[in-house]
C-alpha atoms as a PDB file:
ATOM      1  CA  MET A   1       9.419   6.331  27.900  1.00  0.00           C
ATOM      2  CA  THR A   2       9.728   7.492  24.288  1.00  0.00           C
ATOM      3  CA  THR A   3      13.069   7.579  22.493  1.00  0.00           C
ATOM      4  CA  PRO A   4      13.988  11.164  21.520  1.00  0.00           C
ATOM      5  CA  GLY A   5      13.295  11.808  17.842  1.00  0.00           C
ATOM      6  CA  PHE A   6      10.959   8.817  17.521  1.00  0.00           C
ATOM      7  CA  ARG A   7       8.482   9.428  14.720  1.00  0.00           C
ATOM      8  CA  PRO A   8       6.385   6.439  13.599  1.00  0.00           C
ATOM      9  CA  THR A   9       6.356   5.622   9.906  1.00  0.00           C
ATOM     10  CA  HIS A  10       4.161   2.521  10.161  1.00  0.00           C
ATOM     11  CA  VAL A  11       1.737   0.706  12.434  1.00  0.00           C
ATOM     12  CA  VAL A  12       1.609  -3.019  13.210  1.00  0.00           C
ATOM     13  CA  PRO A  13      -1.511  -4.703  11.705  1.00  0.00           C
ATOM     14  CA  GLN A  14      -4.578  -5.147  13.897  1.00  0.00           C
ATOM     15  CA  HIS A  15      -3.752  -8.771  14.786  1.00  0.00           C
ATOM     16  CA  GLY A  16      -0.122  -8.114  15.753  1.00  0.00           C
ATOM     17  CA  MET A  17       2.814  -9.726  14.000  1.00  0.00           C
ATOM     18  CA  PRO A  18       5.818 -11.964  14.656  1.00  0.00           C
ATOM     19  CA  ALA A  19       9.278 -10.452  15.020  1.00  0.00           C
ATOM     20  CA  TRP A  20      12.850 -11.727  14.779  1.00  0.00           C
ATOM     21  CA  GLU A  21      16.180 -10.739  16.366  1.00  0.00           C
ATOM     22  CA  ALA A  22      17.806 -10.699  12.925  1.00  0.00           C
ATOM     23  CA  PRO A  23      16.620 -11.082   9.314  1.00  0.00           C
ATOM     24  CA  ASP A  24      16.617 -14.854   9.857  1.00  0.00           C
ATOM     25  CA  PRO A  25      13.448 -16.965  10.406  1.00  0.00           C
ATOM     26  CA  ALA A  26      15.392 -19.169  12.847  1.00  0.00           C
ATOM     27  CA  ARG A  27      15.782 -16.311  15.378  1.00  0.00           C
ATOM     28  CA  PRO A  28      12.268 -15.360  16.587  1.00  0.00           C
ATOM     29  CA  THR A  29      11.750 -12.849  19.361  1.00  0.00           C
ATOM     30  CA  VAL A  30       8.759 -11.302  21.159  1.00  0.00           C
ATOM     31  CA  PRO A  31       5.887 -10.585  18.725  1.00  0.00           C
ATOM     32  CA  LEU A  32       4.722  -7.015  18.239  1.00  0.00           C
ATOM     33  CA  ASP A  33       1.394  -5.871  19.667  1.00  0.00           C
ATOM     34  CA  ALA A  34      -1.507  -4.913  17.430  1.00  0.00           C
ATOM     35  CA  LEU A  35      -1.547  -1.310  16.188  1.00  0.00           C
ATOM     36  CA  LEU A  36       1.844  -0.567  17.747  1.00  0.00           C
ATOM     37  CA  PRO A  37       3.443   2.519  16.124  1.00  0.00           C
ATOM     38  CA  VAL A  38       6.920   1.724  14.763  1.00  0.00           C
ATOM     39  CA  GLN A  39       9.594   3.467  12.749  1.00  0.00           C
ATOM     40  CA  ILE A  40      11.342   1.625   9.912  1.00  0.00           C
ATOM     41  CA  VAL A  41      15.061   2.261  10.308  1.00  0.00           C
ATOM     42  CA  GLU A  42      16.478  -0.331   7.901  1.00  0.00           C
ATOM     43  CA  ARG A  43      15.291  -2.522   5.044  1.00  0.00           C
ATOM     44  CA  LEU A  44      16.719  -5.740   3.663  1.00  0.00           C
ATOM     45  CA  GLY A  45      14.441  -6.847   0.886  1.00  0.00           C
ATOM     46  CA  GLU A  46      11.126  -7.878   2.451  1.00  0.00           C
ATOM     47  CA  TRP A  47      12.627  -7.615   5.926  1.00  0.00           C
ATOM     48  CA  ALA A  48      12.314  -4.343   7.849  1.00  0.00           C
ATOM     49  CA  ARG A  49      14.068  -3.452  11.080  1.00  0.00           C
ATOM     50  CA  VAL A  50      11.631  -1.425  13.148  1.00  0.00           C
ATOM     51  CA  LEU A  51      12.222   0.788  16.141  1.00  0.00           C
ATOM     52  CA  CYS A  52       9.593   1.047  18.865  1.00  0.00           C
ATOM     53  CA  ALA A  53       8.959   4.170  20.937  1.00  0.00           C
ATOM     54  CA  ASN A  54      10.829   2.658  23.925  1.00  0.00           C
ATOM     55  CA  GLY A  55      14.000   2.102  21.852  1.00  0.00           C
ATOM     56  CA  TRP A  56      13.554  -1.660  21.362  1.00  0.00           C
ATOM     57  CA  SER A  57      14.040  -2.860  17.792  1.00  0.00           C
ATOM     58  CA  ALA A  58      13.319  -6.057  15.890  1.00  0.00           C
ATOM     59  CA  TRP A  59      13.099  -7.401  12.356  1.00  0.00           C
ATOM     60  CA  VAL A  60       9.676  -8.011  10.804  1.00  0.00           C
ATOM     61  CA  ASP A  61       8.124  -8.875   7.463  1.00  0.00           C
ATOM     62  CA  GLY A  62       7.837  -5.298   6.219  1.00  0.00           C
ATOM     63  CA  ARG A  63       5.159  -6.175   3.653  1.00  0.00           C
ATOM     64  CA  HIS A  64       2.539  -6.351   6.402  1.00  0.00           C
ATOM     65  CA  LEU A  65       3.203  -3.019   8.106  1.00  0.00           C
ATOM     66  CA  LEU A  66       0.630  -0.287   7.545  1.00  0.00           C
ATOM     67  CA  ALA A  67       2.027   3.050   6.409  1.00  0.00           C
ATOM     68  CA  VAL A  68       1.259   6.090   8.556  1.00  0.00           C
ATOM     69  CA  PRO A  69      -0.081   8.945   6.391  1.00  0.00           C
ATOM     70  CA  GLN A  70       2.259  11.863   5.924  1.00  0.00           C
ATOM     71  CA  ASP A  71       1.339  15.117   7.613  1.00  0.00           C
ATOM     72  CA  PRO A  72      -1.101  17.075   5.456  1.00  0.00           C
ATOM     73  CA  PRO A  73       0.270  20.172   3.729  1.00  0.00           C
ATOM     74  CA  LEU A  74       0.125  23.329   5.827  1.00  0.00           C
ATOM     75  CA  PRO A  75      -2.937  25.511   5.193  1.00  0.00           C
ATOM     76  CA  GLY A  76      -2.201  28.401   2.875  1.00  0.00           C
ATOM     77  CA  GLY A  77       0.909  26.752   1.479  1.00  0.00           C
ATOM     78  CA  PRO A  78       1.449  26.582  -2.272  1.00  0.00           C
ATOM     79  CA  LEU A  79      -0.180  23.697  -4.106  1.00  0.00           C
ATOM     80  CA  ALA A  80       2.337  21.491  -5.864  1.00  0.00           C
ATOM     81  CA  PRO A  81       1.104  20.407  -9.317  1.00  0.00           C
ATOM     82  CA  THR A  82       0.891  16.764  -8.153  1.00  0.00           C
ATOM     83  CA  ALA A  83      -1.144  17.752  -5.073  1.00  0.00           C
ATOM     84  CA  ASP A  84      -4.223  18.733  -7.109  1.00  0.00           C
ATOM     85  CA  PRO A  85      -6.713  15.816  -6.908  1.00  0.00           C
ATOM     86  CA  ARG A  86      -8.564  16.720 -10.123  1.00  0.00           C
ATOM     87  CA  PRO A  87      -6.259  15.003 -12.653  1.00  0.00           C
ATOM     88  CA  LEU A  88      -6.345  11.765 -10.656  1.00  0.00           C
ATOM     89  CA  LEU A  89     -10.130  11.989 -10.336  1.00  0.00           C
ATOM     90  CA  ALA A  90     -10.434  12.585 -14.093  1.00  0.00           C
ATOM     91  CA  ARG A  91      -8.323   9.470 -14.823  1.00  0.00           C
ATOM     92  CA  ALA A  92     -10.496   7.411 -12.444  1.00  0.00           C
ATOM     93  CA  GLU A  93     -13.654   8.667 -14.197  1.00  0.00           C
ATOM     94  CA  GLN A  94     -12.220   7.821 -17.637  1.00  0.00           C
ATOM     95  CA  THR A  95     -11.230   4.325 -16.522  1.00  0.00           C
ATOM     96  CA  LEU A  96     -14.662   3.720 -14.986  1.00  0.00           C
ATOM     97  CA  ALA A  97     -16.356   4.960 -18.176  1.00  0.00           C
ATOM     98  CA  ARG A  98     -14.279   2.561 -20.284  1.00  0.00           C
ATOM     99  CA  TYR A  99     -15.152  -0.341 -17.988  1.00  0.00           C
ATOM    100  CA  ARG A 100     -18.839   0.571 -17.946  1.00  0.00           C
ATOM    101  CA  ALA A 101     -18.955   0.777 -21.764  1.00  0.00           C
ATOM    102  CA  ALA A 102     -17.448  -2.717 -21.982  1.00  0.00           C
ATOM    103  CA  VAL A 103     -19.970  -4.030 -19.424  1.00  0.00           C
ATOM    104  CA  GLU A 104     -22.854  -2.490 -21.403  1.00  0.00           C
ATOM    105  CA  GLU A 105     -21.684  -4.241 -24.587  1.00  0.00           C
ATOM    106  CA  ARG A 106     -21.101  -7.519 -22.734  1.00  0.00           C
ATOM    107  CA  THR A 107     -24.555  -7.555 -21.143  1.00  0.00           C
ATOM    108  CA  ALA A 108     -26.141  -6.560 -24.471  1.00  0.00           C
ATOM    109  CA  GLY A 109     -24.491  -9.593 -26.061  1.00  0.00           C
ATOM    110  CA  THR A 110     -22.395  -7.592 -28.541  1.00  0.00           C
ATOM    111  CA  LEU A 111     -19.080  -8.341 -26.834  1.00  0.00           C
ATOM    112  CA  GLU A 112     -17.815 -11.887 -26.290  1.00  0.00           C
ATOM    113  CA  GLY A 113     -15.900 -13.029 -23.207  1.00  0.00           C
ATOM    114  CA  GLU A 114     -12.404 -12.848 -24.726  1.00  0.00           C
ATOM    115  CA  ALA A 115     -13.111  -9.456 -26.264  1.00  0.00           C
ATOM    116  CA  PHE A 116     -14.416  -8.234 -22.898  1.00  0.00           C
ATOM    117  CA  GLN A 117     -11.224  -9.416 -21.217  1.00  0.00           C
ATOM    118  CA  GLY A 118      -9.178  -7.648 -23.867  1.00  0.00           C
ATOM    119  CA  ARG A 119     -11.118  -4.391 -23.469  1.00  0.00           C
ATOM    120  CA  THR A 120     -10.816  -4.383 -19.673  1.00  0.00           C
ATOM    121  CA  ARG A 121      -7.255  -5.710 -19.370  1.00  0.00           C
ATOM    122  CA  GLY A 122      -5.073  -3.261 -17.462  1.00  0.00           C
ATOM    123  CA  LEU A 123      -7.946  -1.122 -16.189  1.00  0.00           C
ATOM    124  CA  ARG A 124      -7.485  -0.344 -12.500  1.00  0.00           C
ATOM    125  CA  ILE A 125      -9.030   2.224 -10.173  1.00  0.00           C
ATOM    126  CA  GLY A 126      -9.704   2.604  -6.477  1.00  0.00           C
ATOM    127  CA  VAL A 127     -11.905   5.284  -4.941  1.00  0.00           C
ATOM    128  CA  VAL A 128     -13.332   5.586  -1.436  1.00  0.00           C
ATOM    129  CA  VAL A 129     -15.391   8.658  -0.547  1.00  0.00           C
ATOM    130  CA  ASP A 130     -16.535   9.310   3.010  1.00  0.00           C
ATOM    131  CA  GLY A 131     -17.965  12.812   3.363  1.00  0.00           C
ATOM    132  CA  GLU A 132     -15.201  15.335   2.752  1.00  0.00           C
ATOM    133  CA  SER A 133     -12.511  12.631   2.865  1.00  0.00           C
ATOM    134  CA  MET A 134     -11.477  10.665  -0.191  1.00  0.00           C
ATOM    135  CA  TRP A 135      -8.903   7.971  -0.883  1.00  0.00           C
ATOM    136  CA  LEU A 136      -7.785   7.433  -4.481  1.00  0.00           C
ATOM    137  CA  TYR A 137      -5.547   4.811  -6.006  1.00  0.00           C
ATOM    138  CA  ASP A 138      -2.832   6.376  -8.174  1.00  0.00           C
ATOM    139  CA  THR A 139      -1.897   3.724 -10.755  1.00  0.00           C
ATOM    140  CA  ASP A 140       1.091   5.721 -12.036  1.00  0.00           C
ATOM    141  CA  GLN A 141       2.737   5.878  -8.596  1.00  0.00           C
ATOM    142  CA  ALA A 142       1.293   2.542  -7.261  1.00  0.00           C
ATOM    143  CA  ARG A 143       0.008   4.228  -4.116  1.00  0.00           C
ATOM    144  CA  TRP A 144      -3.151   5.229  -2.289  1.00  0.00           C
ATOM    145  CA  VAL A 145      -3.506   8.944  -1.696  1.00  0.00           C
ATOM    146  CA  TYR A 146      -5.732  10.868   0.700  1.00  0.00           C
ATOM    147  CA  ALA A 147      -7.588  13.970  -0.455  1.00  0.00           C
ATOM    148  CA  ASP A 148      -9.392  16.533   1.676  1.00  0.00           C
ATOM    149  CA  GLY A 149     -10.986  18.313  -1.278  1.00  0.00           C
ATOM    150  CA  THR A 150      -8.009  20.410  -2.350  1.00  0.00           C
ATOM    151  CA  ARG A 151      -4.783  18.464  -1.745  1.00  0.00           C
ATOM    152  CA  LEU A 152      -3.386  14.968  -1.976  1.00  0.00           C
ATOM    153  CA  SER A 153      -0.999  13.221   0.385  1.00  0.00           C
ATOM    154  CA  THR A 154       0.337   9.667   0.225  1.00  0.00           C
ATOM    155  CA  TYR A 155      -1.563   7.203   2.415  1.00  0.00           C
ATOM    156  CA  ALA A 156       0.007   3.829   1.530  1.00  0.00           C
ATOM    157  CA  THR A 157       2.170   2.337  -1.212  1.00  0.00           C
ATOM    158  CA  ASP A 158       2.259  -0.945  -3.103  1.00  0.00           C
ATOM    159  CA  GLU A 159       5.982  -1.604  -2.772  1.00  0.00           C
ATOM    160  CA  ALA A 160       6.779  -5.307  -2.970  1.00  0.00           C
ATOM    161  CA  PRO A 161      10.245  -5.716  -1.470  1.00  0.00           C
ATOM    162  CA  ARG A 162      12.177  -9.012  -1.589  1.00  0.00           C
ATOM    163  CA  ALA A 163      14.533 -10.681   0.880  1.00  0.00           C
ATOM    164  CA  THR A 164      16.705 -13.714   1.464  1.00  0.00           C
ATOM    165  CA  ALA A 165      15.821 -16.256   4.130  1.00  0.00           C
ATOM    166  CA  ALA A 166      16.765 -19.785   5.079  1.00  0.00           C
ATOM    167  CA  PRO A 167      15.922 -22.279   2.290  1.00  0.00           C
ATOM    168  CA  GLY A 168      12.747 -24.224   2.812  1.00  0.00           C
ATOM    169  CA  ARG A 169      11.412 -22.012   5.586  1.00  0.00           C
ATOM    170  CA  ASP A 170       8.018 -20.363   5.169  1.00  0.00           C
ATOM    171  CA  ASP A 171       7.701 -18.515   8.462  1.00  0.00           C
ATOM    172  CA  GLY A 172       9.135 -15.172   7.423  1.00  0.00           C
ATOM    173  CA  PRO A 173      10.085 -13.023   4.450  1.00  0.00           C
ATOM    174  CA  ARG A 174      11.708 -15.073   1.731  1.00  0.00           C
ATOM    175  CA  THR A 175      13.435 -14.915  -1.613  1.00  0.00           C
ATOM    176  CA  ALA A 176      10.970 -14.954  -4.457  1.00  0.00           C
ATOM    177  CA  ALA A 177      10.723 -14.066  -8.086  1.00  0.00           C
ATOM    178  CA  PRO A 178       9.044 -10.726  -8.746  1.00  0.00           C
ATOM    179  CA  ALA A 179       5.302 -10.929  -8.150  1.00  0.00           C
ATOM    180  CA  PRO A 180       3.441 -11.909 -11.328  1.00  0.00           C
ATOM    181  CA  ALA A 181       1.978  -8.949 -13.120  1.00  0.00           C
ATOM    182  CA  ALA A 182      -1.760  -8.527 -13.215  1.00  0.00           C
ATOM    183  CA  PRO A 183      -3.357  -8.099 -16.637  1.00  0.00           C
ATOM    184  CA  GLY A 184      -1.931  -4.990 -18.212  1.00  0.00           C
ATOM    185  CA  GLY A 185       1.493  -5.392 -16.636  1.00  0.00           C
ATOM    186  CA  HIS A 186       0.644  -4.025 -13.175  1.00  0.00           C
ATOM    187  CA  ALA A 187       1.887  -5.720 -10.026  1.00  0.00           C
ATOM    188  CA  PRO A 188      -0.878  -7.029  -7.743  1.00  0.00           C
ATOM    189  CA  THR A 189      -2.193  -4.337  -5.422  1.00  0.00           C
ATOM    190  CA  GLN A 190      -2.378  -4.621  -1.673  1.00  0.00           C
ATOM    191  CA  VAL A 191      -5.588  -2.802  -0.879  1.00  0.00           C
ATOM    192  CA  VAL A 192      -5.371  -0.727   2.276  1.00  0.00           C
ATOM    193  CA  THR A 193      -8.642   0.499   3.630  1.00  0.00           C
ATOM    194  CA  PRO A 194      -8.806   3.975   5.169  1.00  0.00           C
ATOM    195  CA  ASP A 195      -9.218   2.614   8.687  1.00  0.00           C
ATOM    196  CA  GLY A 196      -6.219   0.318   8.272  1.00  0.00           C
ATOM    197  CA  ALA A 197      -8.371  -2.846   8.451  1.00  0.00           C
END
């Protein structure tokens, strides 16, 4: 039986995940099944309280949930300026061209290792094309977007929430300093493949 108004926002990873009665690693409960649709109803740092279709709720490590793509824009609706995939594609092409130029110089022996690192520091792209479907990584918004040829919609984000847990425990979300930045000042990216694997 589905709770009225239930609309999943995330899916449990393919191997399932542990769950807790409260945002406390000392209070485990029944683990969640693989690929179970859930709705995040509350966040507390890295912890997320999720609601299942049957009304049962539990706390989980929200960093491991897979975001459900938003509904695509309605056909014939107006294109928002940010929905046009061409600017994001152009940025990906420019970044790839810069990286390729540095690789050409490196392999030709005209660019030393440290100089190569300096030239490529901060470069980041992600592109997956499968027929008419495309997934692009938007570095400005730290998110993966889905494109069908004309419009973009958010597929998954790189949010890195934090939480408080019992000291010395490593079996749930925990307090931590902000994740170290990758070269160029970007936070490490959690790559989400189109099939959620």
